[in-house]
Amino acid sequence: MRCEILLFAQLADVIGTDRLAISLPEGATVADALARVANDHEAIASVRSTLALAVNEHYCSPSRALSDGDTIALIPPVSGG
């Protein structure tokens, strides 16, 4: 199945794009998708444990099952004032 990863803030800046397309096996979870992109991009691997995760605009846990065409958002923590 195919899914799209949306990247925000510094992740998009460091990787140079705000979207990645990935292929995953049927039955894959958000954790599987995160592992795939973290393996390919050190910037994601380095903040992996701090990311908020969403699928199709709804926050979720890493154990959420994915379906073909899902959009997964990786949202890094932000600070400022």
Protein backbone atom coordinates (compact mmCIF):
# COMPACT_ATOMS: atom_id res chain seq x y z
CA MET A 1 0.00 0.00 0.00
CA ARG A 2 1.05 3.61 -0.54
CA CYS A 3 0.97 6.32 2.11
CA GLU A 4 2.04 9.93 2.19
CA ILE A 5 4.13 11.39 5.02
CA LEU A 6 3.68 15.08 5.82
CA LEU A 7 6.63 16.83 7.46
CA PHE A 8 6.36 20.03 9.44
CA ALA A 9 8.64 22.76 10.83
CA GLN A 10 12.33 21.89 11.08
CA LEU A 11 11.81 18.39 9.63
CA ALA A 12 10.61 19.84 6.33
CA ASP A 13 13.46 22.38 6.36
CA VAL A 14 16.20 19.83 7.03
CA ILE A 15 14.90 17.18 4.62
CA GLY A 16 14.10 19.74 1.94
CA THR A 17 10.49 18.73 1.32
CA ASP A 18 7.24 18.68 3.23
CA ARG A 19 6.02 15.37 1.74
CA LEU A 20 7.37 11.88 1.28
CA ALA A 21 5.64 8.95 -0.43
CA ILE A 22 6.30 5.47 0.93
CA SER A 23 5.19 1.92 0.20
CA LEU A 24 4.32 -0.36 3.09
CA PRO A 25 3.04 -3.92 3.34
CA GLU A 26 -0.63 -4.55 4.14
CA GLY A 27 -1.21 -4.50 7.88
CA ALA A 28 1.48 -1.89 8.53
CA THR A 29 1.11 0.54 11.41
CA VAL A 30 2.14 4.14 11.99
CA ALA A 31 5.15 2.76 13.88
CA ASP A 32 6.18 0.81 10.76
CA ALA A 33 5.90 3.95 8.62
CA LEU A 34 7.88 5.96 11.16
CA ALA A 35 10.60 3.30 11.28
CA ARG A 36 10.83 3.33 7.48
CA VAL A 37 11.30 7.09 7.19
CA ALA A 38 13.57 7.28 10.27
CA ASN A 39 15.81 4.68 8.64
CA ASP A 40 16.07 6.85 5.52
CA HIS A 41 16.38 10.26 7.24
CA GLU A 42 18.58 10.91 10.28
CA ALA A 43 16.68 14.13 10.99
CA ILE A 44 13.56 12.07 11.65
CA ALA A 45 15.42 9.40 13.59
CA SER A 46 16.91 11.99 15.94
CA VAL A 47 13.49 13.38 17.00
CA ARG A 48 11.42 10.22 16.56
CA SER A 49 10.48 9.83 20.23
CA THR A 50 9.24 13.44 20.51
CA LEU A 51 6.97 13.52 17.46
CA ALA A 52 3.22 13.89 17.63
CA LEU A 53 1.59 11.58 15.09
CA ALA A 54 -1.61 11.96 13.10
CA VAL A 55 -3.33 9.98 10.38
CA ASN A 56 -5.79 11.70 8.09
CA GLU A 57 -5.81 14.77 10.37
CA HIS A 58 -6.53 12.84 13.60
CA TYR A 59 -3.92 12.37 16.31
CA CYS A 60 -3.11 8.73 16.91
CA SER A 61 -0.79 6.28 18.61
CA PRO A 62 2.04 4.50 16.81
CA SER A 63 0.04 1.26 16.93
CA ARG A 64 -2.70 2.58 14.63
CA ALA A 65 -3.17 0.39 11.56
CA LEU A 66 -2.79 2.06 8.18
CA SER A 67 -4.81 1.74 4.99
CA ASP A 68 -3.82 2.42 1.41
CA GLY A 69 -3.83 6.15 0.71
CA ASP A 70 -3.54 7.29 4.33
CA THR A 71 -1.71 10.52 5.09
CA ILE A 72 0.58 10.42 8.12
CA ALA A 73 1.69 13.68 9.73
CA LEU A 74 4.95 13.85 11.71
CA ILE A 75 4.67 16.88 13.97
CA PRO A 76 7.79 17.91 15.90
CA PRO A 77 7.52 19.78 19.19
CA VAL A 78 7.62 23.54 18.88
CA SER A 79 8.66 26.20 21.31
CA GLY A 80 8.65 29.92 21.37
CA GLY A 81 6.81 32.75 22.84
